Structures are given as structure tokens and as C-alpha cells.
Amino acid sequence: MTLSQRIKLIRKTLDLSQTIFAAEIGITQTSLSQIESGKNGISYDVYKAIIHRFKVDPFWLMEGTGEMFRKPETQRSGSVLPLVVTVGDDGEENIVVVDRKAAAGYLRGAEDPTYFEKLPAFRLPGYYGRTFRAFEVMGDSMQPGIRPGDYIVGGYEESLAHIRSNDIYVAVLNDGSIVAKRIVPLPDNQYEFRSDNTEFAPYKVTAADIAQIWHAEGRITKQFDSPEDNRFENLEQRLARLEKQITR
């Protein structure tokens, strides 16, 4: 079953018309019709609206796994998520690897020590004294510096108050998504998530949406750029920014 088919199934299960369902998630009936037919994808805002408005399980919506609707005990209302770690024989914490497969169940397993024990773990020189985790990057929103398939080694932040404006973080959100973005604190407990790739528009997230935050401390990559690649990518970024300025 595709994502568009799952969205249609949610609406049918709730016995709602396209007009009412669309209004509930902040889009038009025409837009919903195009989504359900598979002609258009969904934005992050639509994804979040479906999950929060109808208590849909985010993993079912994106992956088709588990139950369609969240059980009451799994519905989170705050941003406090217990931190489970693994340690080696010497008592030092491991760096747990969260690849794209593990990311799909990360939020559900975040309070379960056995979940993390099954994930790969390693050590890196210099990464001691706090909790680190390596998250695989999915998507190209942080290019050219960070590419799909890279791993960001993030240091755990105990409080959102520790966020340094415009630094790169990996944010685990209460809707189940894990994103790498530059984060800028805003008034009223809001945060702007920015991409390095100018093709992606910034968006706002509230403090209550954030379950965990990890400050980017390093990057692991298998890709090595030639000087020519860097020059062309930088030129493309500058042209994209110039085009946006002209069209404003």
C-alpha cells in the first residue's frame, strides 16, 4: 500500500468526506484529491497535521507498519524523552548507530534498553564524557556539506535552552521523524528549522514537538569531493539564492 493509499484509508476509516478531511489538515479538497490519487506528495506540515489531528501512528503512515492509530499510552504530549544508552566493558558509553532502518522505530524503542542493544555501536577517539549517537542522513536538504548516506555524530543536549542559533542539530520529533537541520530559536518556544540546500524552505517547530535534540559534533562519509565538484556545487547554491532574491 502506498502513502497516498494509506491517507485515503485513514479518511475512509474515519468516514469523512474529502472536503472535511482536507479542512481538518489545512489544505483544499483539490490538493487532497491529488494526494490520494498519487499525483502529489505531502509536505511536512500535512504529515504533521494528519498525525496530530487524527492520532495516526507516524510509522504506520510512512512505512505501513504497526497500527493505523496510536494507542493512548503511546501518545506523547511533551518533549521529555528518557535517554537509554549502552556501555562497553570498560564502562564508557558506546556511540549507537541509528541508520535509516532503525530510524523508523527509534521513537517507539527509545525507552527500551533491548532496542538499543540490538543496534550497531562503536567508539571514536575524542568522543567521550557525554552521550553520542550516529544518525544516518536521509534526503538532500543539507547538501552540499552533508549528503544522503552520511552519518552525523551528535552529542545529546539535555535542554532545548542549550541550542546555539544556526548550529546543525539532529532533532527527533514526537511525530516519529528524525531530521538534520540548522536550528534558530524563536520567541514563544518556537524554533526555525533551516536547510543548507536553498531548494528547501525553512519551517517552524514548537518545543512540544521535539523529543530529543543532538548537536552535530562530526560527520562520517564515504564520499570525497574533487575541487571541481565543490566549485560547481557552490556556484549552483549561489545561483539558486540569486534566483530567489530576483523573484521576491
C-alpha atoms as a PDB file:
ATOM      1  CA  MET A   1       0.000   0.000   0.000  1.00  0.00           C
ATOM      2  CA  THR A   2       1.389   3.409  -0.952  1.00  0.00           C
ATOM      3  CA  LEU A   3       1.430   6.552   1.185  1.00  0.00           C
ATOM      4  CA  SER A   4      -1.415   8.048  -0.860  1.00  0.00           C
ATOM      5  CA  GLN A   5      -3.467   4.888  -0.377  1.00  0.00           C
ATOM      6  CA  ARG A   6      -2.861   4.965   3.378  1.00  0.00           C
ATOM      7  CA  ILE A   7      -4.031   8.575   3.584  1.00  0.00           C
ATOM      8  CA  LYS A   8      -7.187   7.667   1.700  1.00  0.00           C
ATOM      9  CA  LEU A   9      -7.712   4.670   4.003  1.00  0.00           C
ATOM     10  CA  ILE A  10      -7.460   6.939   7.068  1.00  0.00           C
ATOM     11  CA  ARG A  11     -10.157   9.205   5.655  1.00  0.00           C
ATOM     12  CA  LYS A  12     -12.400   6.282   4.748  1.00  0.00           C
ATOM     13  CA  THR A  13     -11.922   4.685   8.168  1.00  0.00           C
ATOM     14  CA  LEU A  14     -12.948   7.947   9.819  1.00  0.00           C
ATOM     15  CA  ASP A  15     -15.912   8.182   7.416  1.00  0.00           C
ATOM     16  CA  LEU A  16     -15.023  11.723   6.352  1.00  0.00           C
ATOM     17  CA  SER A  17     -15.523  13.394   3.003  1.00  0.00           C
ATOM     18  CA  GLN A  18     -12.541  14.813   1.152  1.00  0.00           C
ATOM     19  CA  THR A  19     -13.784  18.330   1.885  1.00  0.00           C
ATOM     20  CA  ILE A  20     -13.987  17.811   5.659  1.00  0.00           C
ATOM     21  CA  PHE A  21     -10.744  15.813   5.926  1.00  0.00           C
ATOM     22  CA  ALA A  22      -8.878  18.421   3.866  1.00  0.00           C
ATOM     23  CA  ALA A  23     -10.181  21.246   6.029  1.00  0.00           C
ATOM     24  CA  GLU A  24      -9.063  19.433   9.179  1.00  0.00           C
ATOM     25  CA  ILE A  25      -5.457  19.242   7.952  1.00  0.00           C
ATOM     26  CA  GLY A  26      -5.341  22.720   6.430  1.00  0.00           C
ATOM     27  CA  ILE A  27      -5.423  22.032   2.686  1.00  0.00           C
ATOM     28  CA  THR A  28      -8.011  22.247  -0.069  1.00  0.00           C
ATOM     29  CA  GLN A  29     -10.176  19.406  -1.319  1.00  0.00           C
ATOM     30  CA  THR A  30      -8.394  19.615  -4.672  1.00  0.00           C
ATOM     31  CA  SER A  31      -4.998  19.205  -3.024  1.00  0.00           C
ATOM     32  CA  LEU A  32      -6.234  16.213  -1.048  1.00  0.00           C
ATOM     33  CA  SER A  33      -7.653  14.640  -4.195  1.00  0.00           C
ATOM     34  CA  GLN A  34      -4.250  14.963  -5.903  1.00  0.00           C
ATOM     35  CA  ILE A  35      -2.525  13.436  -2.874  1.00  0.00           C
ATOM     36  CA  GLU A  36      -4.918  10.488  -2.702  1.00  0.00           C
ATOM     37  CA  SER A  37      -4.534   9.851  -6.424  1.00  0.00           C
ATOM     38  CA  GLY A  38      -0.752   9.801  -6.078  1.00  0.00           C
ATOM     39  CA  LYS A  39      -0.234  12.859  -8.284  1.00  0.00           C
ATOM     40  CA  ASN A  40       1.267  14.927  -5.452  1.00  0.00           C
ATOM     41  CA  GLY A  41       3.292  14.078  -2.362  1.00  0.00           C
ATOM     42  CA  ILE A  42       2.706  15.558   1.076  1.00  0.00           C
ATOM     43  CA  SER A  43       4.572  18.325   2.851  1.00  0.00           C
ATOM     44  CA  TYR A  44       5.913  18.097   6.386  1.00  0.00           C
ATOM     45  CA  ASP A  45       3.046  20.321   7.593  1.00  0.00           C
ATOM     46  CA  VAL A  46       0.428  17.979   6.106  1.00  0.00           C
ATOM     47  CA  TYR A  47       2.204  14.935   7.524  1.00  0.00           C
ATOM     48  CA  LYS A  48       2.257  16.526  10.983  1.00  0.00           C
ATOM     49  CA  ALA A  49      -1.375  17.646  10.743  1.00  0.00           C
ATOM     50  CA  ILE A  50      -2.616  14.139   9.896  1.00  0.00           C
ATOM     51  CA  ILE A  51      -0.685  12.614  12.796  1.00  0.00           C
ATOM     52  CA  HIS A  52      -1.745  15.136  15.414  1.00  0.00           C
ATOM     53  CA  ARG A  53      -5.322  15.791  14.307  1.00  0.00           C
ATOM     54  CA  PHE A  54      -6.328  12.152  13.909  1.00  0.00           C
ATOM     55  CA  LYS A  55      -3.844  10.477  16.343  1.00  0.00           C
ATOM     56  CA  VAL A  56      -2.365   8.444  13.486  1.00  0.00           C
ATOM     57  CA  ASP A  57       0.710   6.352  14.208  1.00  0.00           C
ATOM     58  CA  PRO A  58       3.565   8.063  12.278  1.00  0.00           C
ATOM     59  CA  PHE A  59       5.254   4.748  11.489  1.00  0.00           C
ATOM     60  CA  TRP A  60       2.084   3.321  10.004  1.00  0.00           C
ATOM     61  CA  LEU A  61       1.580   6.450   7.902  1.00  0.00           C
ATOM     62  CA  MET A  62       5.103   6.466   6.458  1.00  0.00           C
ATOM     63  CA  GLU A  63       6.014   2.767   6.487  1.00  0.00           C
ATOM     64  CA  GLY A  64       2.713   0.898   6.743  1.00  0.00           C
ATOM     65  CA  THR A  65       3.893  -0.932   9.876  1.00  0.00           C
ATOM     66  CA  GLY A  66       2.007  -1.333  13.143  1.00  0.00           C
ATOM     67  CA  GLU A  67      -1.489   0.008  13.799  1.00  0.00           C
ATOM     68  CA  MET A  68      -3.164   2.885  11.992  1.00  0.00           C
ATOM     69  CA  PHE A  69      -3.979   4.798  15.162  1.00  0.00           C
ATOM     70  CA  ARG A  70      -1.805   5.340  18.221  1.00  0.00           C
ATOM     71  CA  LYS A  71      -2.832   3.778  21.495  1.00  0.00           C
ATOM     72  CA  PRO A  72      -3.458   6.271  24.324  1.00  0.00           C
ATOM     73  CA  GLU A  73      -0.355   5.198  26.273  1.00  0.00           C
ATOM     74  CA  THR A  74       1.901   5.916  23.284  1.00  0.00           C
ATOM     75  CA  GLN A  75       0.602   9.415  22.618  1.00  0.00           C
ATOM     76  CA  ARG A  76       3.126  11.994  23.775  1.00  0.00           C
ATOM     77  CA  SER A  77       2.156  15.450  24.931  1.00  0.00           C
ATOM     78  CA  GLY A  78       5.566  16.781  25.983  1.00  0.00           C
ATOM     79  CA  SER A  79       9.145  16.888  24.805  1.00  0.00           C
ATOM     80  CA  VAL A  80      10.753  14.831  27.576  1.00  0.00           C
ATOM     81  CA  LEU A  81      12.068  11.510  26.303  1.00  0.00           C
ATOM     82  CA  PRO A  82      14.140   9.240  28.559  1.00  0.00           C
ATOM     83  CA  LEU A  83      17.640   8.573  27.262  1.00  0.00           C
ATOM     84  CA  VAL A  84      18.759   4.941  27.055  1.00  0.00           C
ATOM     85  CA  VAL A  85      22.466   4.281  26.478  1.00  0.00           C
ATOM     86  CA  THR A  86      24.731   1.264  26.008  1.00  0.00           C
ATOM     87  CA  VAL A  87      28.177   0.880  27.569  1.00  0.00           C
ATOM     88  CA  GLY A  88      31.235  -1.231  26.845  1.00  0.00           C
ATOM     89  CA  ASP A  89      33.143  -3.489  29.210  1.00  0.00           C
ATOM     90  CA  ASP A  90      35.188  -0.504  30.366  1.00  0.00           C
ATOM     91  CA  GLY A  91      32.081   1.376  31.474  1.00  0.00           C
ATOM     92  CA  GLU A  92      32.351   4.020  28.741  1.00  0.00           C
ATOM     93  CA  GLU A  93      29.312   4.752  26.598  1.00  0.00           C
ATOM     94  CA  ASN A  94      29.174   3.459  23.029  1.00  0.00           C
ATOM     95  CA  ILE A  95      28.152   5.547  20.034  1.00  0.00           C
ATOM     96  CA  VAL A  96      24.957   3.839  18.897  1.00  0.00           C
ATOM     97  CA  VAL A  97      24.274   3.857  15.149  1.00  0.00           C
ATOM     98  CA  VAL A  98      20.784   4.872  14.019  1.00  0.00           C
ATOM     99  CA  ASP A  99      20.598   4.069  10.309  1.00  0.00           C
ATOM    100  CA  ARG A 100      17.533   4.615   8.124  1.00  0.00           C
ATOM    101  CA  LYS A 101      16.072   1.229   9.074  1.00  0.00           C
ATOM    102  CA  ALA A 102      16.495   1.838  12.813  1.00  0.00           C
ATOM    103  CA  ALA A 103      15.139   5.387  12.460  1.00  0.00           C
ATOM    104  CA  ALA A 104      11.688   4.031  11.571  1.00  0.00           C
ATOM    105  CA  GLY A 105      11.315   2.529  15.051  1.00  0.00           C
ATOM    106  CA  TYR A 106      13.525   4.905  17.027  1.00  0.00           C
ATOM    107  CA  LEU A 107      10.806   6.731  18.942  1.00  0.00           C
ATOM    108  CA  ARG A 108       8.994   3.545  19.885  1.00  0.00           C
ATOM    109  CA  GLY A 109      12.209   1.928  21.089  1.00  0.00           C
ATOM    110  CA  ALA A 110      13.654   4.999  22.781  1.00  0.00           C
ATOM    111  CA  GLU A 111      12.660   3.822  26.263  1.00  0.00           C
ATOM    112  CA  ASP A 112      13.576   0.161  25.709  1.00  0.00           C
ATOM    113  CA  PRO A 113      17.172  -0.867  26.540  1.00  0.00           C
ATOM    114  CA  THR A 114      16.842  -4.052  24.456  1.00  0.00           C
ATOM    115  CA  TYR A 115      16.098  -1.970  21.348  1.00  0.00           C
ATOM    116  CA  PHE A 116      19.437  -0.155  21.569  1.00  0.00           C
ATOM    117  CA  GLU A 117      21.345  -3.314  22.446  1.00  0.00           C
ATOM    118  CA  LYS A 118      20.420  -4.664  19.006  1.00  0.00           C
ATOM    119  CA  LEU A 119      21.789  -1.627  17.156  1.00  0.00           C
ATOM    120  CA  PRO A 120      25.409  -1.378  15.946  1.00  0.00           C
ATOM    121  CA  ALA A 121      27.733   0.605  18.213  1.00  0.00           C
ATOM    122  CA  PHE A 122      31.312   1.820  18.019  1.00  0.00           C
ATOM    123  CA  ARG A 123      33.869   4.175  19.565  1.00  0.00           C
ATOM    124  CA  LEU A 124      35.657   7.205  18.143  1.00  0.00           C
ATOM    125  CA  PRO A 125      38.764   8.882  19.586  1.00  0.00           C
ATOM    126  CA  GLY A 126      37.849  12.104  21.373  1.00  0.00           C
ATOM    127  CA  TYR A 127      34.161  11.292  21.726  1.00  0.00           C
ATOM    128  CA  TYR A 128      33.975  10.629  25.477  1.00  0.00           C
ATOM    129  CA  GLY A 129      32.403  12.183  28.531  1.00  0.00           C
ATOM    130  CA  ARG A 130      28.866  12.541  27.179  1.00  0.00           C
ATOM    131  CA  THR A 131      26.305  10.615  25.160  1.00  0.00           C
ATOM    132  CA  PHE A 132      26.838  10.485  21.398  1.00  0.00           C
ATOM    133  CA  ARG A 133      24.767   8.879  18.668  1.00  0.00           C
ATOM    134  CA  ALA A 134      25.365   8.495  14.920  1.00  0.00           C
ATOM    135  CA  PHE A 135      22.347   9.240  12.736  1.00  0.00           C
ATOM    136  CA  GLU A 136      22.222   8.385   9.034  1.00  0.00           C
ATOM    137  CA  VAL A 137      21.232  11.351   6.872  1.00  0.00           C
ATOM    138  CA  MET A 138      18.256  10.792   4.590  1.00  0.00           C
ATOM    139  CA  GLY A 139      17.434  13.253   1.840  1.00  0.00           C
ATOM    140  CA  ASP A 140      19.462  16.064   0.303  1.00  0.00           C
ATOM    141  CA  SER A 141      18.207  19.052   2.301  1.00  0.00           C
ATOM    142  CA  MET A 142      21.631  19.652   3.909  1.00  0.00           C
ATOM    143  CA  GLN A 143      23.703  19.493   0.726  1.00  0.00           C
ATOM    144  CA  PRO A 144      26.333  20.349  -0.331  1.00  0.00           C
ATOM    145  CA  GLY A 145      28.072  19.892   3.022  1.00  0.00           C
ATOM    146  CA  ILE A 146      26.096  16.857   4.214  1.00  0.00           C
ATOM    147  CA  ARG A 147      24.901  14.248   1.726  1.00  0.00           C
ATOM    148  CA  PRO A 148      22.426  11.360   1.818  1.00  0.00           C
ATOM    149  CA  GLY A 149      24.096   8.346   3.386  1.00  0.00           C
ATOM    150  CA  ASP A 150      26.441  10.409   5.572  1.00  0.00           C
ATOM    151  CA  TYR A 151      26.273   9.930   9.328  1.00  0.00           C
ATOM    152  CA  ILE A 152      26.100  12.856  11.744  1.00  0.00           C
ATOM    153  CA  VAL A 153      27.650  12.126  15.122  1.00  0.00           C
ATOM    154  CA  GLY A 154      25.500  14.076  17.560  1.00  0.00           C
ATOM    155  CA  GLY A 155      26.089  14.928  21.215  1.00  0.00           C
ATOM    156  CA  TYR A 156      22.981  14.726  23.387  1.00  0.00           C
ATOM    157  CA  GLU A 157      21.574  18.035  24.657  1.00  0.00           C
ATOM    158  CA  GLU A 158      19.627  17.777  27.912  1.00  0.00           C
ATOM    159  CA  SER A 159      17.732  21.015  27.346  1.00  0.00           C
ATOM    160  CA  LEU A 160      16.443  22.978  24.377  1.00  0.00           C
ATOM    161  CA  ALA A 161      17.876  26.030  26.121  1.00  0.00           C
ATOM    162  CA  HIS A 162      21.319  24.774  25.087  1.00  0.00           C
ATOM    163  CA  ILE A 163      20.568  25.215  21.373  1.00  0.00           C
ATOM    164  CA  ARG A 164      23.059  27.556  19.717  1.00  0.00           C
ATOM    165  CA  SER A 165      21.484  29.614  16.948  1.00  0.00           C
ATOM    166  CA  ASN A 166      22.143  28.340  13.420  1.00  0.00           C
ATOM    167  CA  ASP A 167      24.234  25.340  14.515  1.00  0.00           C
ATOM    168  CA  ILE A 168      23.426  21.958  12.959  1.00  0.00           C
ATOM    169  CA  TYR A 169      21.390  19.535  15.073  1.00  0.00           C
ATOM    170  CA  VAL A 170      19.664  16.213  14.659  1.00  0.00           C
ATOM    171  CA  ALA A 171      16.134  16.607  16.015  1.00  0.00           C
ATOM    172  CA  VAL A 172      13.964  13.653  16.976  1.00  0.00           C
ATOM    173  CA  LEU A 173      10.374  14.830  16.739  1.00  0.00           C
ATOM    174  CA  ASN A 174       7.342  13.467  18.539  1.00  0.00           C
ATOM    175  CA  ASP A 175       5.731  12.573  15.213  1.00  0.00           C
ATOM    176  CA  GLY A 176       8.477   9.967  14.685  1.00  0.00           C
ATOM    177  CA  SER A 177      10.594  11.868  12.170  1.00  0.00           C
ATOM    178  CA  ILE A 178      14.335  12.465  12.551  1.00  0.00           C
ATOM    179  CA  VAL A 179      15.764  15.484  10.744  1.00  0.00           C
ATOM    180  CA  ALA A 180      19.141  17.202  10.416  1.00  0.00           C
ATOM    181  CA  LYS A 181      18.782  20.987  10.267  1.00  0.00           C
ATOM    182  CA  ARG A 182      20.267  24.270  11.339  1.00  0.00           C
ATOM    183  CA  ILE A 183      18.077  25.425  14.215  1.00  0.00           C
ATOM    184  CA  VAL A 184      17.324  29.014  15.186  1.00  0.00           C
ATOM    185  CA  PRO A 185      15.449  29.671  18.468  1.00  0.00           C
ATOM    186  CA  LEU A 186      12.431  31.980  18.111  1.00  0.00           C
ATOM    187  CA  PRO A 187      10.102  33.621  20.652  1.00  0.00           C
ATOM    188  CA  ASP A 188       7.198  31.699  22.216  1.00  0.00           C
ATOM    189  CA  ASN A 189       9.015  28.345  22.431  1.00  0.00           C
ATOM    190  CA  GLN A 190       9.322  28.015  18.679  1.00  0.00           C
ATOM    191  CA  TYR A 191      12.285  27.034  16.540  1.00  0.00           C
ATOM    192  CA  GLU A 192      13.025  27.597  12.879  1.00  0.00           C
ATOM    193  CA  PHE A 193      14.478  24.593  11.060  1.00  0.00           C
ATOM    194  CA  ARG A 194      16.698  25.635   8.152  1.00  0.00           C
ATOM    195  CA  SER A 195      18.266  23.584   5.372  1.00  0.00           C
ATOM    196  CA  ASP A 196      21.626  24.284   3.741  1.00  0.00           C
ATOM    197  CA  ASN A 197      20.096  23.357   0.393  1.00  0.00           C
ATOM    198  CA  THR A 198      18.263  26.523  -0.634  1.00  0.00           C
ATOM    199  CA  GLU A 199      15.672  24.486  -2.536  1.00  0.00           C
ATOM    200  CA  PHE A 200      14.124  23.642   0.845  1.00  0.00           C
ATOM    201  CA  ALA A 201      12.162  26.357   2.637  1.00  0.00           C
ATOM    202  CA  PRO A 202      12.604  26.815   6.409  1.00  0.00           C
ATOM    203  CA  TYR A 203       9.752  25.825   8.703  1.00  0.00           C
ATOM    204  CA  LYS A 204       8.795  26.328  12.339  1.00  0.00           C
ATOM    205  CA  VAL A 205       8.607  23.682  15.055  1.00  0.00           C
ATOM    206  CA  THR A 206       7.343  24.155  18.615  1.00  0.00           C
ATOM    207  CA  ALA A 207       9.224  22.967  21.688  1.00  0.00           C
ATOM    208  CA  ALA A 208       6.448  20.455  22.386  1.00  0.00           C
ATOM    209  CA  ASP A 209       7.157  18.810  19.018  1.00  0.00           C
ATOM    210  CA  ILE A 210      10.763  17.978  19.940  1.00  0.00           C
ATOM    211  CA  ALA A 211      11.528  14.732  21.769  1.00  0.00           C
ATOM    212  CA  GLN A 212      15.352  14.789  21.608  1.00  0.00           C
ATOM    213  CA  ILE A 213      17.996  17.126  20.280  1.00  0.00           C
ATOM    214  CA  TRP A 214      21.574  16.194  19.294  1.00  0.00           C
ATOM    215  CA  HIS A 215      24.242  18.773  18.475  1.00  0.00           C
ATOM    216  CA  ALA A 216      26.283  17.840  15.392  1.00  0.00           C
ATOM    217  CA  GLU A 217      29.836  17.132  16.539  1.00  0.00           C
ATOM    218  CA  GLY A 218      31.168  15.274  13.498  1.00  0.00           C
ATOM    219  CA  ARG A 219      30.355  13.678  10.150  1.00  0.00           C
ATOM    220  CA  ILE A 220      31.178  10.240   8.763  1.00  0.00           C
ATOM    221  CA  THR A 221      31.106   9.989   4.971  1.00  0.00           C
ATOM    222  CA  LYS A 222      32.156   7.654   2.173  1.00  0.00           C
ATOM    223  CA  GLN A 223      32.042  10.451  -0.387  1.00  0.00           C
ATOM    224  CA  PHE A 224      35.025  12.609  -1.255  1.00  0.00           C
ATOM    225  CA  ASP A 225      34.618  15.698  -3.405  1.00  0.00           C
ATOM    226  CA  SER A 226      37.071  16.849  -6.011  1.00  0.00           C
ATOM    227  CA  PRO A 227      37.867  20.591  -6.116  1.00  0.00           C
ATOM    228  CA  GLU A 228      35.778  20.820  -9.299  1.00  0.00           C
ATOM    229  CA  ASP A 229      32.734  19.284  -7.569  1.00  0.00           C
ATOM    230  CA  ASN A 230      32.901  21.806  -4.744  1.00  0.00           C
ATOM    231  CA  ARG A 231      33.256  24.713  -7.137  1.00  0.00           C
ATOM    232  CA  PHE A 232      30.217  23.692  -9.210  1.00  0.00           C
ATOM    233  CA  GLU A 233      28.068  22.954  -6.138  1.00  0.00           C
ATOM    234  CA  ASN A 234      28.905  26.323  -4.600  1.00  0.00           C
ATOM    235  CA  LEU A 235      28.047  28.031  -7.882  1.00  0.00           C
ATOM    236  CA  GLU A 236      24.697  26.218  -8.020  1.00  0.00           C
ATOM    237  CA  GLN A 237      23.893  27.327  -4.465  1.00  0.00           C
ATOM    238  CA  ARG A 238      24.746  30.954  -5.265  1.00  0.00           C
ATOM    239  CA  LEU A 239      22.628  30.898  -8.422  1.00  0.00           C
ATOM    240  CA  ALA A 240      19.682  29.405  -6.523  1.00  0.00           C
ATOM    241  CA  ARG A 241      19.904  32.132  -3.866  1.00  0.00           C
ATOM    242  CA  LEU A 242      20.154  34.821  -6.534  1.00  0.00           C
ATOM    243  CA  GLU A 243      17.101  33.416  -8.339  1.00  0.00           C
ATOM    244  CA  LYS A 244      15.064  33.534  -5.127  1.00  0.00           C
ATOM    245  CA  GLN A 245      16.089  37.136  -4.482  1.00  0.00           C
ATOM    246  CA  ILE A 246      15.090  38.162  -8.014  1.00  0.00           C
ATOM    247  CA  THR A 247      11.670  36.506  -7.801  1.00  0.00           C
ATOM    248  CA  ARG A 248      10.746  38.068  -4.433  1.00  0.00           C
END
